[in-house]
Amino acid sequence: MIKLRAPFNYDTDEASLESGLACEDLSLAQQQFKDESDINVIMERFNRTGEVIAPVRLPDFGDFTEVSDYHTALSRVREAQETFEGFPAHIRARFENDAGRFVEFVMDDANMDEALALGIVERPGHTDSLDVSVPTDTNKEATE
């Protein structure tokens, strides 16, 4: 026998509790921002002042004279990311798989000893410690 559900023949609250998802984990929502994101508070502020409050992001300042254009900058970032991804897993894990953390680590002279121990930088004046040359097939063509 087929039973059709209708509001008058079953308890909708009980059905919702049976089939619903109970989220009992600790919430990760940051409650200090609740008023900033509440549409009622935003509209009340707009009605009083006539201005919509947009998130303000201050500009970044720095020395970007070495970067000639967007394409060059993006190419450098991609190259750094690809280089980082080529490292062994234990080295990437040391930097939580974040190429930005790796760059910050390498740029700090205080980390030179650890960088040498990890094998990610060469000892100054010692160029044969890392050979990253890739063999090509040019010799193969010359012998054929």
N, C-alpha and C. Protein backbone atom coordinates (compact mmCIF):
# COMPACT_ATOMS: atom_id res chain seq x y z
N MET A 1 0.84 -1.18 0.00
CA MET A 1 0.00 0.00 0.00
C MET A 1 0.89 1.24 0.00
N ILE A 2 0.59 2.15 -0.87
CA ILE A 2 1.32 3.40 -0.99
C ILE A 2 0.69 4.43 -0.06
N LYS A 3 1.58 5.06 0.72
CA LYS A 3 1.10 6.09 1.64
C LYS A 3 1.61 7.43 1.15
N LEU A 4 0.72 8.34 0.92
CA LEU A 4 1.07 9.68 0.51
C LEU A 4 1.21 10.57 1.74
N ARG A 5 2.27 11.34 1.74
CA ARG A 5 2.46 12.26 2.86
C ARG A 5 1.71 13.55 2.58
N ALA A 6 1.06 14.01 3.60
CA ALA A 6 0.34 15.28 3.53
C ALA A 6 0.47 15.91 4.91
N PRO A 7 0.37 17.21 5.00
CA PRO A 7 0.54 17.87 6.30
C PRO A 7 -0.42 17.36 7.38
N PHE A 8 -1.55 16.78 6.99
CA PHE A 8 -2.52 16.37 7.99
C PHE A 8 -2.34 14.91 8.42
N ASN A 9 -1.48 14.11 7.76
CA ASN A 9 -1.38 12.71 8.16
C ASN A 9 -0.01 12.31 8.71
N TYR A 10 0.88 13.24 8.94
CA TYR A 10 2.13 12.91 9.60
C TYR A 10 2.73 14.18 10.21
N ASP A 11 3.67 13.98 11.13
CA ASP A 11 4.29 15.09 11.84
C ASP A 11 5.48 15.61 11.01
N THR A 12 5.37 16.80 10.47
CA THR A 12 6.43 17.35 9.62
C THR A 12 7.71 17.59 10.40
N ASP A 13 7.60 18.00 11.67
CA ASP A 13 8.80 18.22 12.48
C ASP A 13 9.55 16.92 12.71
N GLU A 14 8.83 15.85 12.99
CA GLU A 14 9.45 14.54 13.21
C GLU A 14 10.12 14.05 11.93
N ALA A 15 9.49 14.23 10.78
CA ALA A 15 10.08 13.82 9.51
C ALA A 15 11.33 14.63 9.20
N SER A 16 11.30 15.90 9.54
CA SER A 16 12.46 16.75 9.32
C SER A 16 13.63 16.32 10.20
N LEU A 17 13.35 15.99 11.45
CA LEU A 17 14.41 15.54 12.35
C LEU A 17 14.99 14.20 11.91
N GLU A 18 14.16 13.31 11.37
CA GLU A 18 14.62 12.00 10.91
C GLU A 18 15.50 12.12 9.66
N SER A 19 15.14 12.97 8.75
CA SER A 19 15.85 13.04 7.47
C SER A 19 16.82 14.21 7.37
N GLY A 20 16.80 15.08 8.33
CA GLY A 20 17.65 16.27 8.26
C GLY A 20 19.07 16.01 8.72
N LEU A 21 19.90 16.99 8.51
CA LEU A 21 21.29 16.94 8.90
C LEU A 21 21.46 17.70 10.21
N ALA A 22 22.01 17.02 11.21
CA ALA A 22 22.24 17.67 12.50
C ALA A 22 23.70 18.12 12.55
N CYS A 23 23.91 19.41 12.52
CA CYS A 23 25.27 19.97 12.59
C CYS A 23 25.57 20.30 14.05
N GLU A 24 26.27 19.38 14.70
CA GLU A 24 26.56 19.55 16.12
C GLU A 24 28.01 19.93 16.38
N ASP A 25 28.78 20.10 15.31
CA ASP A 25 30.18 20.49 15.45
C ASP A 25 30.27 21.94 15.90
N LEU A 26 31.42 22.28 16.46
CA LEU A 26 31.67 23.66 16.85
C LEU A 26 31.67 24.54 15.60
N SER A 27 30.94 25.62 15.63
CA SER A 27 30.84 26.51 14.47
C SER A 27 32.14 27.25 14.24
N LEU A 28 32.51 27.39 12.97
CA LEU A 28 33.71 28.15 12.61
C LEU A 28 33.37 29.59 12.21
N ALA A 29 32.08 29.92 12.26
CA ALA A 29 31.67 31.28 11.92
C ALA A 29 32.20 32.26 12.96
N GLN A 30 32.71 33.36 12.51
CA GLN A 30 33.26 34.37 13.41
C GLN A 30 32.14 35.34 13.77
N GLN A 31 31.66 35.23 14.98
CA GLN A 31 30.48 35.96 15.40
C GLN A 31 30.71 37.47 15.54
N GLN A 32 31.96 37.90 15.65
CA GLN A 32 32.19 39.34 15.79
C GLN A 32 31.82 40.11 14.53
N PHE A 33 31.60 39.42 13.41
CA PHE A 33 31.25 40.09 12.16
C PHE A 33 29.76 40.01 11.84
N LYS A 34 28.97 39.50 12.79
CA LYS A 34 27.55 39.28 12.49
C LYS A 34 26.81 40.57 12.15
N ASP A 35 27.12 41.68 12.83
CA ASP A 35 26.42 42.94 12.54
C ASP A 35 26.84 43.51 11.19
N GLU A 36 28.10 43.29 10.81
CA GLU A 36 28.58 43.80 9.52
C GLU A 36 27.92 43.09 8.35
N SER A 37 27.50 41.85 8.56
CA SER A 37 26.91 41.09 7.46
C SER A 37 25.39 40.94 7.56
N ASP A 38 24.79 41.47 8.60
CA ASP A 38 23.33 41.40 8.77
C ASP A 38 22.67 42.43 7.86
N ILE A 39 21.83 41.95 6.95
CA ILE A 39 21.20 42.85 5.97
C ILE A 39 20.33 43.90 6.66
N ASN A 40 19.72 43.56 7.78
CA ASN A 40 18.88 44.53 8.50
C ASN A 40 19.73 45.68 9.04
N VAL A 41 20.89 45.38 9.59
CA VAL A 41 21.78 46.43 10.11
C VAL A 41 22.32 47.27 8.95
N ILE A 42 22.67 46.62 7.85
CA ILE A 42 23.18 47.35 6.68
C ILE A 42 22.12 48.30 6.14
N MET A 43 20.88 47.83 6.01
CA MET A 43 19.80 48.68 5.48
C MET A 43 19.46 49.81 6.44
N GLU A 44 19.49 49.54 7.74
CA GLU A 44 19.22 50.61 8.72
C GLU A 44 20.29 51.70 8.60
N ARG A 45 21.55 51.30 8.46
CA ARG A 45 22.64 52.26 8.31
C ARG A 45 22.46 53.05 7.02
N PHE A 46 22.06 52.36 5.94
CA PHE A 46 21.84 53.03 4.66
C PHE A 46 20.70 54.04 4.77
N ASN A 47 19.63 53.67 5.44
CA ASN A 47 18.49 54.58 5.61
C ASN A 47 18.86 55.82 6.41
N ARG A 48 19.75 55.68 7.38
CA ARG A 48 20.17 56.83 8.18
C ARG A 48 21.14 57.73 7.44
N THR A 49 22.13 57.13 6.78
CA THR A 49 23.21 57.92 6.20
C THR A 49 23.11 58.07 4.69
N GLY A 50 22.44 57.15 4.02
CA GLY A 50 22.36 57.19 2.57
C GLY A 50 23.59 56.63 1.89
N GLU A 51 24.51 56.07 2.65
CA GLU A 51 25.73 55.51 2.08
C GLU A 51 25.80 54.01 2.35
N VAL A 52 26.27 53.30 1.36
CA VAL A 52 26.52 51.87 1.53
C VAL A 52 27.96 51.71 1.97
N ILE A 53 28.16 51.00 3.05
CA ILE A 53 29.51 50.79 3.56
C ILE A 53 30.12 49.60 2.82
N ALA A 54 31.12 49.89 2.03
CA ALA A 54 31.82 48.83 1.30
C ALA A 54 33.07 48.45 2.07
N PRO A 55 33.50 47.21 1.94
CA PRO A 55 34.74 46.83 2.61
C PRO A 55 35.90 47.65 2.07
N VAL A 56 36.70 48.18 2.96
CA VAL A 56 37.82 49.03 2.58
C VAL A 56 39.09 48.19 2.58
N ARG A 57 39.79 48.19 1.47
CA ARG A 57 41.07 47.49 1.38
C ARG A 57 42.13 48.53 1.08
N LEU A 58 43.08 48.63 1.98
CA LEU A 58 44.14 49.60 1.80
C LEU A 58 45.07 49.12 0.70
N PRO A 59 45.66 50.02 -0.05
CA PRO A 59 46.57 49.62 -1.12
C PRO A 59 47.85 49.04 -0.56
N ASP A 60 48.45 48.14 -1.34
CA ASP A 60 49.73 47.56 -0.97
C ASP A 60 50.85 48.45 -1.48
N PHE A 61 51.86 48.62 -0.65
CA PHE A 61 53.01 49.42 -1.04
C PHE A 61 54.23 48.52 -1.08
N GLY A 62 55.12 48.77 -2.02
CA GLY A 62 56.34 47.99 -2.10
C GLY A 62 57.18 48.46 -3.27
N ASP A 63 58.34 47.86 -3.39
CA ASP A 63 59.23 48.18 -4.49
C ASP A 63 59.03 47.14 -5.58
N PHE A 64 58.36 47.53 -6.64
CA PHE A 64 58.06 46.63 -7.75
C PHE A 64 58.77 47.08 -9.02
N THR A 65 59.92 47.73 -8.88
CA THR A 65 60.63 48.27 -10.05
C THR A 65 61.22 47.19 -10.92
N GLU A 66 61.50 45.99 -10.35
CA GLU A 66 62.06 44.91 -11.15
C GLU A 66 61.04 44.28 -12.07
N VAL A 67 59.78 44.41 -11.76
CA VAL A 67 58.73 43.81 -12.57
C VAL A 67 58.34 44.80 -13.67
N SER A 68 58.55 44.38 -14.91
CA SER A 68 58.28 45.30 -16.00
C SER A 68 56.82 45.30 -16.42
N ASP A 69 56.16 44.14 -16.32
CA ASP A 69 54.75 44.07 -16.70
C ASP A 69 54.08 42.90 -15.99
N TYR A 70 52.78 42.81 -16.15
CA TYR A 70 51.98 41.77 -15.49
C TYR A 70 52.41 40.38 -15.93
N HIS A 71 52.63 40.19 -17.21
CA HIS A 71 53.00 38.88 -17.75
C HIS A 71 54.31 38.39 -17.13
N THR A 72 55.29 39.26 -17.02
CA THR A 72 56.58 38.89 -16.44
C THR A 72 56.40 38.49 -14.98
N ALA A 73 55.63 39.26 -14.24
CA ALA A 73 55.40 38.95 -12.82
C ALA A 73 54.69 37.61 -12.68
N LEU A 74 53.68 37.38 -13.48
CA LEU A 74 52.94 36.12 -13.41
C LEU A 74 53.82 34.95 -13.80
N SER A 75 54.68 35.14 -14.78
CA SER A 75 55.61 34.07 -15.19
C SER A 75 56.56 33.72 -14.06
N ARG A 76 57.04 34.72 -13.33
CA ARG A 76 57.94 34.46 -12.21
C ARG A 76 57.23 33.71 -11.10
N VAL A 77 56.00 34.08 -10.83
CA VAL A 77 55.24 33.39 -9.79
C VAL A 77 55.00 31.93 -10.19
N ARG A 78 54.63 31.71 -11.44
CA ARG A 78 54.40 30.34 -11.91
C ARG A 78 55.68 29.52 -11.89
N GLU A 79 56.79 30.12 -12.26
CA GLU A 79 58.07 29.43 -12.24
C GLU A 79 58.45 29.04 -10.82
N ALA A 80 58.24 29.94 -9.86
CA ALA A 80 58.53 29.63 -8.47
C ALA A 80 57.64 28.50 -7.96
N GLN A 81 56.37 28.52 -8.34
CA GLN A 81 55.43 27.47 -7.92
C GLN A 81 55.84 26.12 -8.51
N GLU A 82 56.22 26.10 -9.79
CA GLU A 82 56.63 24.85 -10.43
C GLU A 82 57.91 24.31 -9.81
N THR A 83 58.84 25.19 -9.50
CA THR A 83 60.08 24.76 -8.86
C THR A 83 59.79 24.15 -7.50
N PHE A 84 58.93 24.81 -6.74
CA PHE A 84 58.57 24.31 -5.41
C PHE A 84 57.90 22.95 -5.52
N GLU A 85 57.01 22.78 -6.49
CA GLU A 85 56.30 21.52 -6.65
C GLU A 85 57.24 20.39 -7.08
N GLY A 86 58.43 20.73 -7.60
CA GLY A 86 59.40 19.72 -7.99
C GLY A 86 60.22 19.18 -6.83
N PHE A 87 60.13 19.80 -5.66
CA PHE A 87 60.86 19.33 -4.49
C PHE A 87 60.24 18.05 -3.96
N PRO A 88 61.02 17.25 -3.24
CA PRO A 88 60.47 16.04 -2.61
C PRO A 88 59.38 16.40 -1.59
N ALA A 89 58.52 15.45 -1.31
CA ALA A 89 57.37 15.69 -0.44
C ALA A 89 57.78 16.15 0.96
N HIS A 90 58.87 15.60 1.50
CA HIS A 90 59.24 15.99 2.88
C HIS A 90 59.67 17.45 2.96
N ILE A 91 60.25 17.97 1.89
CA ILE A 91 60.63 19.39 1.88
C ILE A 91 59.39 20.26 1.72
N ARG A 92 58.48 19.88 0.83
CA ARG A 92 57.23 20.64 0.68
C ARG A 92 56.43 20.62 1.98
N ALA A 93 56.42 19.48 2.68
CA ALA A 93 55.69 19.39 3.95
C ALA A 93 56.30 20.32 5.00
N ARG A 94 57.62 20.52 4.95
CA ARG A 94 58.28 21.42 5.90
C ARG A 94 57.71 22.83 5.78
N PHE A 95 57.25 23.20 4.58
CA PHE A 95 56.69 24.53 4.34
C PHE A 95 55.18 24.48 4.19
N GLU A 96 54.57 23.40 4.69
CA GLU A 96 53.12 23.22 4.65
C GLU A 96 52.58 23.34 3.23
N ASN A 97 53.34 22.86 2.25
CA ASN A 97 52.96 22.88 0.83
C ASN A 97 52.60 24.28 0.34
N ASP A 98 53.26 25.27 0.87
CA ASP A 98 52.99 26.67 0.51
C ASP A 98 54.27 27.27 -0.07
N ALA A 99 54.26 27.55 -1.36
CA ALA A 99 55.44 28.12 -2.02
C ALA A 99 55.78 29.49 -1.44
N GLY A 100 54.80 30.23 -1.00
CA GLY A 100 55.05 31.54 -0.39
C GLY A 100 55.88 31.43 0.88
N ARG A 101 55.56 30.43 1.71
CA ARG A 101 56.36 30.22 2.92
C ARG A 101 57.79 29.83 2.57
N PHE A 102 57.94 29.04 1.52
CA PHE A 102 59.26 28.62 1.08
C PHE A 102 60.08 29.84 0.65
N VAL A 103 59.48 30.72 -0.15
CA VAL A 103 60.20 31.91 -0.62
C VAL A 103 60.60 32.79 0.56
N GLU A 104 59.69 32.99 1.50
CA GLU A 104 60.02 33.79 2.69
C GLU A 104 61.16 33.16 3.47
N PHE A 105 61.15 31.82 3.59
CA PHE A 105 62.20 31.11 4.31
C PHE A 105 63.56 31.32 3.65
N VAL A 106 63.60 31.15 2.33
CA VAL A 106 64.86 31.25 1.59
C VAL A 106 65.38 32.68 1.59
N MET A 107 64.51 33.67 1.58
CA MET A 107 64.94 35.06 1.54
C MET A 107 65.55 35.53 2.87
N ASP A 108 65.31 34.81 3.95
CA ASP A 108 65.84 35.18 5.26
C ASP A 108 67.21 34.54 5.45
N ASP A 109 68.25 35.37 5.58
CA ASP A 109 69.62 34.87 5.73
C ASP A 109 69.81 34.03 6.99
N ALA A 110 68.98 34.23 7.99
CA ALA A 110 69.10 33.47 9.23
C ALA A 110 68.78 31.99 9.02
N ASN A 111 68.11 31.66 7.93
CA ASN A 111 67.72 30.28 7.66
C ASN A 111 68.71 29.56 6.75
N MET A 112 69.87 30.16 6.46
CA MET A 112 70.81 29.59 5.50
C MET A 112 71.30 28.20 5.90
N ASP A 113 71.61 27.99 7.18
CA ASP A 113 72.12 26.69 7.62
C ASP A 113 71.08 25.58 7.39
N GLU A 114 69.82 25.87 7.74
CA GLU A 114 68.78 24.86 7.53
C GLU A 114 68.53 24.62 6.04
N ALA A 115 68.58 25.69 5.25
CA ALA A 115 68.40 25.55 3.81
C ALA A 115 69.51 24.69 3.20
N LEU A 116 70.74 24.87 3.66
CA LEU A 116 71.85 24.04 3.20
C LEU A 116 71.64 22.59 3.62
N ALA A 117 71.18 22.36 4.86
CA ALA A 117 70.95 21.00 5.35
C ALA A 117 69.84 20.32 4.56
N LEU A 118 68.82 21.08 4.17
CA LEU A 118 67.73 20.51 3.37
C LEU A 118 68.14 20.28 1.92
N GLY A 119 69.23 20.93 1.50
CA GLY A 119 69.70 20.77 0.13
C GLY A 119 68.95 21.61 -0.88
N ILE A 120 68.33 22.69 -0.42
CA ILE A 120 67.54 23.52 -1.34
C ILE A 120 68.32 24.72 -1.84
N VAL A 121 69.47 25.00 -1.27
CA VAL A 121 70.36 26.06 -1.77
C VAL A 121 71.77 25.50 -1.86
N GLU A 122 72.58 26.14 -2.68
CA GLU A 122 73.97 25.73 -2.83
C GLU A 122 74.84 26.54 -1.88
N ARG A 123 75.92 25.92 -1.44
CA ARG A 123 76.90 26.63 -0.63
C ARG A 123 77.56 27.69 -1.51
N PRO A 124 77.71 28.92 -1.03
CA PRO A 124 78.31 29.98 -1.86
C PRO A 124 79.68 29.55 -2.38
N GLY A 125 79.89 29.71 -3.70
CA GLY A 125 81.16 29.35 -4.33
C GLY A 125 81.29 27.87 -4.64
N HIS A 126 80.25 27.10 -4.41
CA HIS A 126 80.27 25.66 -4.63
C HIS A 126 79.16 25.32 -5.61
N THR A 127 79.50 25.26 -6.89
CA THR A 127 78.45 25.17 -7.91
C THR A 127 78.14 23.76 -8.35
N ASP A 128 79.00 22.76 -8.03
CA ASP A 128 78.73 21.43 -8.55
C ASP A 128 77.90 20.56 -7.60
N SER A 129 77.36 21.13 -6.53
CA SER A 129 76.59 20.33 -5.58
C SER A 129 75.22 19.95 -6.12
N LEU A 130 74.64 20.78 -6.97
CA LEU A 130 73.34 20.47 -7.55
C LEU A 130 73.45 20.48 -9.06
N ASP A 131 73.25 19.34 -9.66
CA ASP A 131 73.26 19.26 -11.12
C ASP A 131 71.83 19.01 -11.56
N VAL A 132 71.19 20.04 -12.08
CA VAL A 132 69.81 19.91 -12.49
C VAL A 132 69.67 19.93 -14.01
N SER A 133 70.78 19.68 -14.71
CA SER A 133 70.70 19.69 -16.16
C SER A 133 69.92 18.47 -16.63
N VAL A 134 69.14 18.67 -17.66
CA VAL A 134 68.32 17.61 -18.22
C VAL A 134 68.95 17.16 -19.52
N PRO A 135 69.23 15.85 -19.67
CA PRO A 135 69.84 15.39 -20.91
C PRO A 135 68.90 15.60 -22.09
N THR A 136 69.46 16.00 -23.21
CA THR A 136 68.66 16.20 -24.40
C THR A 136 68.98 15.12 -25.42
N ASP A 137 68.20 15.05 -26.46
CA ASP A 137 68.39 14.04 -27.49
C ASP A 137 69.26 14.54 -28.64
N THR A 138 70.00 15.62 -28.45
CA THR A 138 70.82 16.16 -29.54
C THR A 138 71.96 15.21 -29.89
N ASN A 139 72.54 14.53 -28.90
CA ASN A 139 73.62 13.58 -29.18
C ASN A 139 73.09 12.38 -29.96
N LYS A 140 71.87 11.99 -29.69
CA LYS A 140 71.26 10.86 -30.38
C LYS A 140 71.12 11.16 -31.85
N GLU A 141 70.70 12.40 -32.18
CA GLU A 141 70.54 12.78 -33.59
C GLU A 141 71.89 12.84 -34.30
N ALA A 142 72.94 13.23 -33.58
CA ALA A 142 74.27 13.35 -34.20
C ALA A 142 74.85 11.99 -34.53
N THR A 143 74.51 10.95 -33.77
CA THR A 143 75.06 9.62 -34.00
C THR A 143 74.28 8.86 -35.05
N GLU A 144 73.09 9.27 -35.38
CA GLU A 144 72.27 8.56 -36.37
C GLU A 144 72.58 8.92 -37.79
